[in-house]
Structure formats: structure tokens, C-alpha cells
Amino acid sequence: MTNDHDDGGAPPNTYITREELQKEGIPLAWRDYCAHLLPDLNKCRKESYYLPWKCENERVAWMKCQYDDYQRRMRKLEKRQSQREADRADSVAESL
């Protein structure tokens, strides 16, 4: 499985503009990488009166996006931590 938004250092591209998010009424706290999936999910939820067994495809797509984004951020953090440890080990070796 490949991640199309994992390029190392740059934040991932978003697929929805700020104006569209504003128009859809998406709160600032929910405006992350997966915000492009929320308008369809919210529309489906409103049309189905928030019944828990409705809109499963939209909900699962949003949750998968959230999980993949979490995994991307954790890989980035682990990479940064391993780089710091390697730099620290190099500085200790140089000081001896």
C-alpha cells in the first residue's frame, strides 16, 4: 500500500479550498487533511437523520483517511526521533 501524500517533509495537499470549507460550515477544528470527505458525510447524515447504520461508506472512508494520516504523522515523528538519536550519537562520538 502506498501513500500518495507522504513526501517526507511538506504537509499533505488538501483537496478542498478554504472557501468551500467555510461554505459547508466545517469547524476549524475539523479542517485537516481529511476535511474534503466531511461535506459528503455531513450531507448524508443530515438526509438520513443521523441514523447510525446509514452513511457507512462515507464514514468508513473518512475514518480510513484519518487513520492513514495518523500513520503518516507517526512515521514522520519516528523518522525525526531516529535522526535526533543518530545526531546525538555522532556528537558524543566526536567529543570522545
PDB file of N, CA and C in Angstrom:
ATOM      1  N   MET A   1       0.844  -1.170   0.000  1.00  0.00           N
ATOM      2  CA  MET A   1       0.000   0.000   0.000  1.00  0.00           C
ATOM      3  C   MET A   1       0.893   1.238   0.000  1.00  0.00           C
ATOM      4  N   THR A   2       0.596   2.159  -0.858  1.00  0.00           N
ATOM      5  CA  THR A   2       1.375   3.380  -0.954  1.00  0.00           C
ATOM      6  C   THR A   2       0.549   4.560  -0.478  1.00  0.00           C
ATOM      7  N   ASN A   3       1.251   5.549   0.038  1.00  0.00           N
ATOM      8  CA  ASN A   3       0.587   6.782   0.440  1.00  0.00           C
ATOM      9  C   ASN A   3       0.921   7.850  -0.571  1.00  0.00           C
ATOM     10  N   ASP A   4      -0.101   8.406  -1.197  1.00  0.00           N
ATOM     11  CA  ASP A   4       0.134   9.418  -2.206  1.00  0.00           C
ATOM     12  C   ASP A   4       0.436  10.775  -1.593  1.00  0.00           C
ATOM     13  N   HIS A   5       0.310  10.905  -0.278  1.00  0.00           N
ATOM     14  CA  HIS A   5       0.559  12.193   0.356  1.00  0.00           C
ATOM     15  C   HIS A   5       1.757  12.154   1.300  1.00  0.00           C
ATOM     16  N   ASP A   6       2.616  11.150   1.180  1.00  0.00           N
ATOM     17  CA  ASP A   6       3.779  11.054   2.050  1.00  0.00           C
ATOM     18  C   ASP A   6       5.032  11.405   1.248  1.00  0.00           C
ATOM     19  N   ASP A   7       5.405  12.683   1.288  1.00  0.00           N
ATOM     20  CA  ASP A   7       6.574  13.103   0.537  1.00  0.00           C
ATOM     21  C   ASP A   7       7.726  13.511   1.446  1.00  0.00           C
ATOM     22  N   GLY A   8       7.673  13.157   2.709  1.00  0.00           N
ATOM     23  CA  GLY A   8       8.792  13.431   3.582  1.00  0.00           C
ATOM     24  C   GLY A   8       8.592  14.605   4.497  1.00  0.00           C
ATOM     25  N   GLY A   9       8.694  15.831   3.982  1.00  0.00           N
ATOM     26  CA  GLY A   9       8.680  16.969   4.866  1.00  0.00           C
ATOM     27  C   GLY A   9       7.512  17.911   4.707  1.00  0.00           C
ATOM     28  N   ALA A  10       6.998  18.035   3.516  1.00  0.00           N
ATOM     29  CA  ALA A  10       5.936  19.002   3.267  1.00  0.00           C
ATOM     30  C   ALA A  10       4.601  18.484   3.785  1.00  0.00           C
ATOM     31  N   PRO A  11       3.742  19.384   4.248  1.00  0.00           N
ATOM     32  CA  PRO A  11       2.416  18.933   4.660  1.00  0.00           C
ATOM     33  C   PRO A  11       1.633  18.445   3.451  1.00  0.00           C
ATOM     34  N   PRO A  12       0.713  17.515   3.664  1.00  0.00           N
ATOM     35  CA  PRO A  12      -0.032  16.974   2.519  1.00  0.00           C
ATOM     36  C   PRO A  12      -0.944  18.015   1.900  1.00  0.00           C
ATOM     37  N   ASN A  13      -1.182  17.869   0.614  1.00  0.00           N
ATOM     38  CA  ASN A  13      -2.098  18.763  -0.091  1.00  0.00           C
ATOM     39  C   ASN A  13      -3.523  18.486   0.350  1.00  0.00           C
ATOM     40  N   THR A  14      -4.322  19.529   0.399  1.00  0.00           N
ATOM     41  CA  THR A  14      -5.730  19.345   0.700  1.00  0.00           C
ATOM     42  C   THR A  14      -6.509  19.346  -0.605  1.00  0.00           C
ATOM     43  N   TYR A  15      -7.647  18.687  -0.589  1.00  0.00           N
ATOM     44  CA  TYR A  15      -8.447  18.548  -1.790  1.00  0.00           C
ATOM     45  C   TYR A  15      -9.678  19.445  -1.779  1.00  0.00           C
ATOM     46  N   ILE A  16      -9.742  20.378  -0.831  1.00  0.00           N
ATOM     47  CA  ILE A  16     -10.872  21.285  -0.717  1.00  0.00           C
ATOM     48  C   ILE A  16     -10.332  22.650  -0.301  1.00  0.00           C
ATOM     49  N   THR A  17     -10.912  23.698  -0.826  1.00  0.00           N
ATOM     50  CA  THR A  17     -10.415  25.040  -0.531  1.00  0.00           C
ATOM     51  C   THR A  17     -11.023  25.568   0.762  1.00  0.00           C
ATOM     52  N   ARG A  18     -10.414  26.608   1.286  1.00  0.00           N
ATOM     53  CA  ARG A  18     -10.927  27.240   2.497  1.00  0.00           C
ATOM     54  C   ARG A  18     -12.331  27.796   2.276  1.00  0.00           C
ATOM     55  N   GLU A  19     -12.554  28.331   1.092  1.00  0.00           N
ATOM     56  CA  GLU A  19     -13.867  28.887   0.794  1.00  0.00           C
ATOM     57  C   GLU A  19     -14.943  27.796   0.803  1.00  0.00           C
ATOM     58  N   GLU A  20     -14.608  26.640   0.248  1.00  0.00           N
ATOM     59  CA  GLU A  20     -15.567  25.532   0.250  1.00  0.00           C
ATOM     60  C   GLU A  20     -15.830  25.039   1.669  1.00  0.00           C
ATOM     61  N   LEU A  21     -14.779  24.975   2.483  1.00  0.00           N
ATOM     62  CA  LEU A  21     -14.954  24.570   3.876  1.00  0.00           C
ATOM     63  C   LEU A  21     -15.834  25.564   4.624  1.00  0.00           C
ATOM     64  N   GLN A  22     -15.620  26.847   4.376  1.00  0.00           N
ATOM     65  CA  GLN A  22     -16.429  27.882   5.002  1.00  0.00           C
ATOM     66  C   GLN A  22     -17.888  27.745   4.565  1.00  0.00           C
ATOM     67  N   LYS A  23     -18.099  27.535   3.266  1.00  0.00           N
ATOM     68  CA  LYS A  23     -19.455  27.412   2.732  1.00  0.00           C
ATOM     69  C   LYS A  23     -20.168  26.194   3.323  1.00  0.00           C
ATOM     70  N   GLU A  24     -19.441  25.109   3.501  1.00  0.00           N
ATOM     71  CA  GLU A  24     -20.022  23.884   4.051  1.00  0.00           C
ATOM     72  C   GLU A  24     -20.216  23.958   5.562  1.00  0.00           C
ATOM     73  N   GLY A  25     -19.600  24.952   6.206  1.00  0.00           N
ATOM     74  CA  GLY A  25     -19.743  25.113   7.652  1.00  0.00           C
ATOM     75  C   GLY A  25     -18.908  24.134   8.458  1.00  0.00           C
ATOM     76  N   ILE A  26     -17.779  23.727   7.910  1.00  0.00           N
ATOM     77  CA  ILE A  26     -16.885  22.812   8.621  1.00  0.00           C
ATOM     78  C   ILE A  26     -16.123  23.624   9.673  1.00  0.00           C
ATOM     79  N   PRO A  27     -16.198  23.249  10.962  1.00  0.00           N
ATOM     80  CA  PRO A  27     -15.489  23.995  12.002  1.00  0.00           C
ATOM     81  C   PRO A  27     -13.975  23.937  11.808  1.00  0.00           C
ATOM     82  N   LEU A  28     -13.280  24.930  12.323  1.00  0.00           N
ATOM     83  CA  LEU A  28     -11.823  24.992  12.174  1.00  0.00           C
ATOM     84  C   LEU A  28     -11.138  23.755  12.740  1.00  0.00           C
ATOM     85  N   ALA A  29     -11.641  23.231  13.838  1.00  0.00           N
ATOM     86  CA  ALA A  29     -11.020  22.068  14.472  1.00  0.00           C
ATOM     87  C   ALA A  29     -11.053  20.832  13.576  1.00  0.00           C
ATOM     88  N   TRP A  30     -11.963  20.768  12.632  1.00  0.00           N
ATOM     89  CA  TRP A  30     -12.100  19.603  11.757  1.00  0.00           C
ATOM     90  C   TRP A  30     -11.440  19.815  10.400  1.00  0.00           C
ATOM     91  N   ARG A  31     -10.796  20.931  10.194  1.00  0.00           N
ATOM     92  CA  ARG A  31     -10.187  21.231   8.893  1.00  0.00           C
ATOM     93  C   ARG A  31      -8.776  20.671   8.825  1.00  0.00           C
ATOM     94  N   ASP A  32      -8.687  19.391   8.609  1.00  0.00           N
ATOM     95  CA  ASP A  32      -7.400  18.727   8.491  1.00  0.00           C
ATOM     96  C   ASP A  32      -7.278  18.120   7.094  1.00  0.00           C
ATOM     97  N   TYR A  33      -6.377  17.185   6.930  1.00  0.00           N
ATOM     98  CA  TYR A  33      -6.147  16.582   5.625  1.00  0.00           C
ATOM     99  C   TYR A  33      -7.402  15.899   5.082  1.00  0.00           C
ATOM    100  N   CYS A  34      -8.237  15.358   5.958  1.00  0.00           N
ATOM    101  CA  CYS A  34      -9.409  14.582   5.532  1.00  0.00           C
ATOM    102  C   CYS A  34     -10.682  15.419   5.451  1.00  0.00           C
ATOM    103  N   ALA A  35     -10.580  16.713   5.548  1.00  0.00           N
ATOM    104  CA  ALA A  35     -11.759  17.577   5.546  1.00  0.00           C
ATOM    105  C   ALA A  35     -12.533  17.498   4.234  1.00  0.00           C
ATOM    106  N   HIS A  36     -11.892  17.096   3.152  1.00  0.00           N
ATOM    107  CA  HIS A  36     -12.592  17.005   1.880  1.00  0.00           C
ATOM    108  C   HIS A  36     -13.672  15.925   1.884  1.00  0.00           C
ATOM    109  N   LEU A  37     -13.617  14.994   2.836  1.00  0.00           N
ATOM    110  CA  LEU A  37     -14.617  13.939   2.922  1.00  0.00           C
ATOM    111  C   LEU A  37     -15.813  14.329   3.789  1.00  0.00           C
ATOM    112  N   LEU A  38     -15.671  15.358   4.595  1.00  0.00           N
ATOM    113  CA  LEU A  38     -16.726  15.730   5.526  1.00  0.00           C
ATOM    114  C   LEU A  38     -18.000  16.289   4.887  1.00  0.00           C
ATOM    115  N   PRO A  39     -17.937  17.099   3.834  1.00  0.00           N
ATOM    116  CA  PRO A  39     -19.199  17.595   3.263  1.00  0.00           C
ATOM    117  C   PRO A  39     -20.144  16.476   2.826  1.00  0.00           C
ATOM    118  N   ASP A  40     -19.614  15.454   2.166  1.00  0.00           N
ATOM    119  CA  ASP A  40     -20.470  14.344   1.737  1.00  0.00           C
ATOM    120  C   ASP A  40     -21.009  13.568   2.943  1.00  0.00           C
ATOM    121  N   LEU A  41     -20.154  13.351   3.937  1.00  0.00           N
ATOM    122  CA  LEU A  41     -20.590  12.634   5.136  1.00  0.00           C
ATOM    123  C   LEU A  41     -21.664  13.419   5.880  1.00  0.00           C
ATOM    124  N   ASN A  42     -21.458  14.707   6.062  1.00  0.00           N
ATOM    125  CA  ASN A  42     -22.444  15.520   6.767  1.00  0.00           C
ATOM    126  C   ASN A  42     -23.762  15.602   6.004  1.00  0.00           C
ATOM    127  N   LYS A  43     -23.687  15.709   4.689  1.00  0.00           N
ATOM    128  CA  LYS A  43     -24.904  15.753   3.872  1.00  0.00           C
ATOM    129  C   LYS A  43     -25.697  14.454   4.031  1.00  0.00           C
ATOM    130  N   CYS A  44     -24.992  13.337   3.948  1.00  0.00           N
ATOM    131  CA  CYS A  44     -25.647  12.039   4.093  1.00  0.00           C
ATOM    132  C   CYS A  44     -26.253  11.901   5.487  1.00  0.00           C
ATOM    133  N   ARG A  45     -25.525  12.328   6.502  1.00  0.00           N
ATOM    134  CA  ARG A  45     -26.041  12.230   7.867  1.00  0.00           C
ATOM    135  C   ARG A  45     -27.299  13.066   8.049  1.00  0.00           C
ATOM    136  N   LYS A  46     -27.303  14.275   7.511  1.00  0.00           N
ATOM    137  CA  LYS A  46     -28.480  15.134   7.646  1.00  0.00           C
ATOM    138  C   LYS A  46     -29.677  14.544   6.908  1.00  0.00           C
ATOM    139  N   GLU A  47     -29.442  13.990   5.714  1.00  0.00           N
ATOM    140  CA  GLU A  47     -30.532  13.411   4.931  1.00  0.00           C
ATOM    141  C   GLU A  47     -31.107  12.155   5.581  1.00  0.00           C
ATOM    142  N   SER A  48     -30.276  11.433   6.341  1.00  0.00           N
ATOM    143  CA  SER A  48     -30.738  10.192   6.967  1.00  0.00           C
ATOM    144  C   SER A  48     -31.017  10.371   8.459  1.00  0.00           C
ATOM    145  N   TYR A  49     -31.109  11.610   8.902  1.00  0.00           N
ATOM    146  CA  TYR A  49     -31.419  11.922  10.305  1.00  0.00           C
ATOM    147  C   TYR A  49     -30.445  11.266  11.284  1.00  0.00           C
ATOM    148  N   TYR A  50     -29.186  11.189  10.900  1.00  0.00           N
ATOM    149  CA  TYR A  50     -28.097  10.681  11.744  1.00  0.00           C
ATOM    150  C   TYR A  50     -28.326   9.242  12.206  1.00  0.00           C
ATOM    151  N   LEU A  51     -29.013   8.445  11.418  1.00  0.00           N
ATOM    152  CA  LEU A  51     -29.178   7.037  11.769  1.00  0.00           C
ATOM    153  C   LEU A  51     -27.822   6.350  11.708  1.00  0.00           C
ATOM    154  N   PRO A  52     -27.441   5.602  12.750  1.00  0.00           N
ATOM    155  CA  PRO A  52     -26.081   5.048  12.827  1.00  0.00           C
ATOM    156  C   PRO A  52     -25.748   4.051  11.727  1.00  0.00           C
ATOM    157  N   TRP A  53     -26.745   3.366  11.167  1.00  0.00           N
ATOM    158  CA  TRP A  53     -26.464   2.355  10.152  1.00  0.00           C
ATOM    159  C   TRP A  53     -26.479   2.927   8.736  1.00  0.00           C
ATOM    160  N   LYS A  54     -26.734   4.217   8.625  1.00  0.00           N
ATOM    161  CA  LYS A  54     -26.684   4.879   7.320  1.00  0.00           C
ATOM    162  C   LYS A  54     -25.297   5.502   7.129  1.00  0.00           C
ATOM    163  N   CYS A  55     -24.984   5.842   5.926  1.00  0.00           N
ATOM    164  CA  CYS A  55     -23.747   6.569   5.571  1.00  0.00           C
ATOM    165  C   CYS A  55     -22.480   5.822   5.972  1.00  0.00           C
ATOM    166  N   GLU A  56     -22.528   4.511   5.992  1.00  0.00           N
ATOM    167  CA  GLU A  56     -21.352   3.749   6.417  1.00  0.00           C
ATOM    168  C   GLU A  56     -20.181   3.936   5.466  1.00  0.00           C
ATOM    169  N   ASN A  57     -20.440   3.970   4.165  1.00  0.00           N
ATOM    170  CA  ASN A  57     -19.337   4.123   3.208  1.00  0.00           C
ATOM    171  C   ASN A  57     -18.612   5.446   3.407  1.00  0.00           C
ATOM    172  N   GLU A  58     -19.360   6.522   3.585  1.00  0.00           N
ATOM    173  CA  GLU A  58     -18.755   7.837   3.795  1.00  0.00           C
ATOM    174  C   GLU A  58     -17.993   7.892   5.113  1.00  0.00           C
ATOM    175  N   ARG A  59     -18.590   7.314   6.151  1.00  0.00           N
ATOM    176  CA  ARG A  59     -17.954   7.330   7.469  1.00  0.00           C
ATOM    177  C   ARG A  59     -16.665   6.512   7.468  1.00  0.00           C
ATOM    178  N   VAL A  60     -16.710   5.327   6.854  1.00  0.00           N
ATOM    179  CA  VAL A  60     -15.524   4.473   6.802  1.00  0.00           C
ATOM    180  C   VAL A  60     -14.424   5.136   5.974  1.00  0.00           C
ATOM    181  N   ALA A  61     -14.791   5.783   4.882  1.00  0.00           N
ATOM    182  CA  ALA A  61     -13.790   6.483   4.062  1.00  0.00           C
ATOM    183  C   ALA A  61     -13.116   7.589   4.866  1.00  0.00           C
ATOM    184  N   TRP A  62     -13.912   8.341   5.634  1.00  0.00           N
ATOM    185  CA  TRP A  62     -13.345   9.414   6.452  1.00  0.00           C
ATOM    186  C   TRP A  62     -12.450   8.837   7.554  1.00  0.00           C
ATOM    187  N   MET A  63     -12.905   7.776   8.229  1.00  0.00           N
ATOM    188  CA  MET A  63     -12.110   7.173   9.300  1.00  0.00           C
ATOM    189  C   MET A  63     -10.812   6.578   8.754  1.00  0.00           C
ATOM    190  N   LYS A  64     -10.857   5.970   7.575  1.00  0.00           N
ATOM    191  CA  LYS A  64      -9.631   5.415   6.963  1.00  0.00           C
ATOM    192  C   LYS A  64      -8.657   6.531   6.630  1.00  0.00           C
ATOM    193  N   CYS A  65      -9.180   7.633   6.113  1.00  0.00           N
ATOM    194  CA  CYS A  65      -8.331   8.777   5.811  1.00  0.00           C
ATOM    195  C   CYS A  65      -7.668   9.296   7.086  1.00  0.00           C
ATOM    196  N   GLN A  66      -8.438   9.398   8.167  1.00  0.00           N
ATOM    197  CA  GLN A  66      -7.890   9.846   9.445  1.00  0.00           C
ATOM    198  C   GLN A  66      -6.789   8.899   9.926  1.00  0.00           C
ATOM    199  N   TYR A  67      -7.025   7.599   9.809  1.00  0.00           N
ATOM    200  CA  TYR A  67      -6.046   6.610  10.240  1.00  0.00           C
ATOM    201  C   TYR A  67      -4.772   6.685   9.402  1.00  0.00           C
ATOM    202  N   ASP A  68      -4.930   6.783   8.085  1.00  0.00           N
ATOM    203  CA  ASP A  68      -3.762   6.884   7.208  1.00  0.00           C
ATOM    204  C   ASP A  68      -2.959   8.144   7.506  1.00  0.00           C
ATOM    205  N   ASP A  69      -3.649   9.243   7.775  1.00  0.00           N
ATOM    206  CA  ASP A  69      -2.959  10.491   8.116  1.00  0.00           C
ATOM    207  C   ASP A  69      -2.221  10.339   9.439  1.00  0.00           C
ATOM    208  N   TYR A  70      -2.830   9.672  10.409  1.00  0.00           N
ATOM    209  CA  TYR A  70      -2.176   9.403  11.691  1.00  0.00           C
ATOM    210  C   TYR A  70      -0.912   8.573  11.482  1.00  0.00           C
ATOM    211  N   GLN A  71      -1.013   7.534  10.670  1.00  0.00           N
ATOM    212  CA  GLN A  71       0.148   6.692  10.384  1.00  0.00           C
ATOM    213  C   GLN A  71       1.261   7.501   9.723  1.00  0.00           C
ATOM    214  N   ARG A  72       0.903   8.385   8.797  1.00  0.00           N
ATOM    215  CA  ARG A  72       1.893   9.226   8.120  1.00  0.00           C
ATOM    216  C   ARG A  72       2.609  10.115   9.132  1.00  0.00           C
ATOM    217  N   ARG A  73       1.841  10.727  10.033  1.00  0.00           N
ATOM    218  CA  ARG A  73       2.440  11.613  11.031  1.00  0.00           C
ATOM    219  C   ARG A  73       3.329  10.846  12.003  1.00  0.00           C
ATOM    220  N   MET A  74       2.944   9.611  12.361  1.00  0.00           N
ATOM    221  CA  MET A  74       3.764   8.807  13.274  1.00  0.00           C
ATOM    222  C   MET A  74       5.068   8.379  12.604  1.00  0.00           C
ATOM    223  N   ARG A  75       5.011   8.012  11.315  1.00  0.00           N
ATOM    224  CA  ARG A  75       6.249   7.675  10.596  1.00  0.00           C
ATOM    225  C   ARG A  75       7.180   8.875  10.545  1.00  0.00           C
ATOM    226  N   LYS A  76       6.610  10.053  10.319  1.00  0.00           N
ATOM    227  CA  LYS A  76       7.406  11.272  10.266  1.00  0.00           C
ATOM    228  C   LYS A  76       8.048  11.546  11.627  1.00  0.00           C
ATOM    229  N   LEU A  77       7.295  11.354  12.710  1.00  0.00           N
ATOM    230  CA  LEU A  77       7.818  11.564  14.055  1.00  0.00           C
ATOM    231  C   LEU A  77       8.920  10.571  14.377  1.00  0.00           C
ATOM    232  N   GLU A  78       8.709   9.295  14.041  1.00  0.00           N
ATOM    233  CA  GLU A  78       9.732   8.281  14.291  1.00  0.00           C
ATOM    234  C   GLU A  78      11.007   8.574  13.508  1.00  0.00           C
ATOM    235  N   LYS A  79      10.841   9.016  12.280  1.00  0.00           N
ATOM    236  CA  LYS A  79      11.999   9.361  11.460  1.00  0.00           C
ATOM    237  C   LYS A  79      12.773  10.526  12.088  1.00  0.00           C
ATOM    238  N   ARG A  80      12.039  11.535  12.562  1.00  0.00           N
ATOM    239  CA  ARG A  80      12.667  12.690  13.199  1.00  0.00           C
ATOM    240  C   ARG A  80      13.388  12.275  14.483  1.00  0.00           C
ATOM    241  N   GLN A  81      12.754  11.386  15.282  1.00  0.00           N
ATOM    242  CA  GLN A  81      13.378  10.947  16.516  1.00  0.00           C
ATOM    243  C   GLN A  81      14.621  10.114  16.250  1.00  0.00           C
ATOM    244  N   SER A  82      14.578   9.233  15.267  1.00  0.00           N
ATOM    245  CA  SER A  82      15.755   8.427  14.946  1.00  0.00           C
ATOM    246  C   SER A  82      16.889   9.307  14.420  1.00  0.00           C
ATOM    247  N   GLN A  83      16.546  10.355  13.680  1.00  0.00           N
ATOM    248  CA  GLN A  83      17.561  11.283  13.198  1.00  0.00           C
ATOM    249  C   GLN A  83      18.210  12.029  14.361  1.00  0.00           C
ATOM    250  N   ARG A  84      17.409  12.445  15.336  1.00  0.00           N
ATOM    251  CA  ARG A  84      17.952  13.123  16.522  1.00  0.00           C
ATOM    252  C   ARG A  84      18.873  12.200  17.305  1.00  0.00           C
ATOM    253  N   GLU A  85      18.472  10.930  17.460  1.00  0.00           N
ATOM    254  CA  GLU A  85      19.317   9.975  18.178  1.00  0.00           C
ATOM    255  C   GLU A  85      20.626   9.750  17.445  1.00  0.00           C
ATOM    256  N   ALA A  86      20.571   9.667  16.127  1.00  0.00           N
ATOM    257  CA  ALA A  86      21.794   9.481  15.349  1.00  0.00           C
ATOM    258  C   ALA A  86      22.701  10.708  15.468  1.00  0.00           C
ATOM    259  N   ASP A  87      22.103  11.910  15.429  1.00  0.00           N
ATOM    260  CA  ASP A  87      22.891  13.128  15.593  1.00  0.00           C
ATOM    261  C   ASP A  87      23.519  13.194  16.977  1.00  0.00           C
ATOM    262  N   ARG A  88      22.749  12.787  17.984  1.00  0.00           N
ATOM    263  CA  ARG A  88      23.260  12.784  19.350  1.00  0.00           C
ATOM    264  C   ARG A  88      24.408  11.806  19.493  1.00  0.00           C
ATOM    265  N   ALA A  89      24.286  10.620  18.904  1.00  0.00           N
ATOM    266  CA  ALA A  89      25.348   9.615  18.963  1.00  0.00           C
ATOM    267  C   ALA A  89      26.592  10.110  18.240  1.00  0.00           C
ATOM    268  N   ASP A  90      26.412  10.798  17.120  1.00  0.00           N
ATOM    269  CA  ASP A  90      27.562  11.341  16.392  1.00  0.00           C
ATOM    270  C   ASP A  90      28.281  12.414  17.217  1.00  0.00           C
ATOM    271  N   SER A  91      27.516  13.271  17.884  1.00  0.00           N
ATOM    272  CA  SER A  91      28.151  14.327  18.687  1.00  0.00           C
ATOM    273  C   SER A  91      28.885  13.742  19.883  1.00  0.00           C
ATOM    274  N   VAL A  92      28.355  12.671  20.474  1.00  0.00           N
ATOM    275  CA  VAL A  92      29.043  12.023  21.596  1.00  0.00           C
ATOM    276  C   VAL A  92      30.313  11.363  21.098  1.00  0.00           C
ATOM    277  N   ALA A  93      30.268  10.723  19.942  1.00  0.00           N
ATOM    278  CA  ALA A  93      31.449  10.057  19.387  1.00  0.00           C
ATOM    279  C   ALA A  93      32.525  11.068  19.038  1.00  0.00           C
ATOM    280  N   GLU A  94      32.128  12.255  18.556  1.00  0.00           N
ATOM    281  CA  GLU A  94      33.104  13.287  18.216  1.00  0.00           C
ATOM    282  C   GLU A  94      33.758  13.883  19.449  1.00  0.00           C
ATOM    283  N   SER A  95      33.034  13.945  20.556  1.00  0.00           N
ATOM    284  CA  SER A  95      33.572  14.555  21.756  1.00  0.00           C
ATOM    285  C   SER A  95      34.551  13.639  22.472  1.00  0.00           C
ATOM    286  N   LEU A  96      34.545  12.343  22.152  1.00  0.00           N
ATOM    287  CA  LEU A  96      35.466  11.408  22.799  1.00  0.00           C
ATOM    288  C   LEU A  96      36.773  11.426  22.125  1.00  0.00           C
TER     289      LEU A  96
END
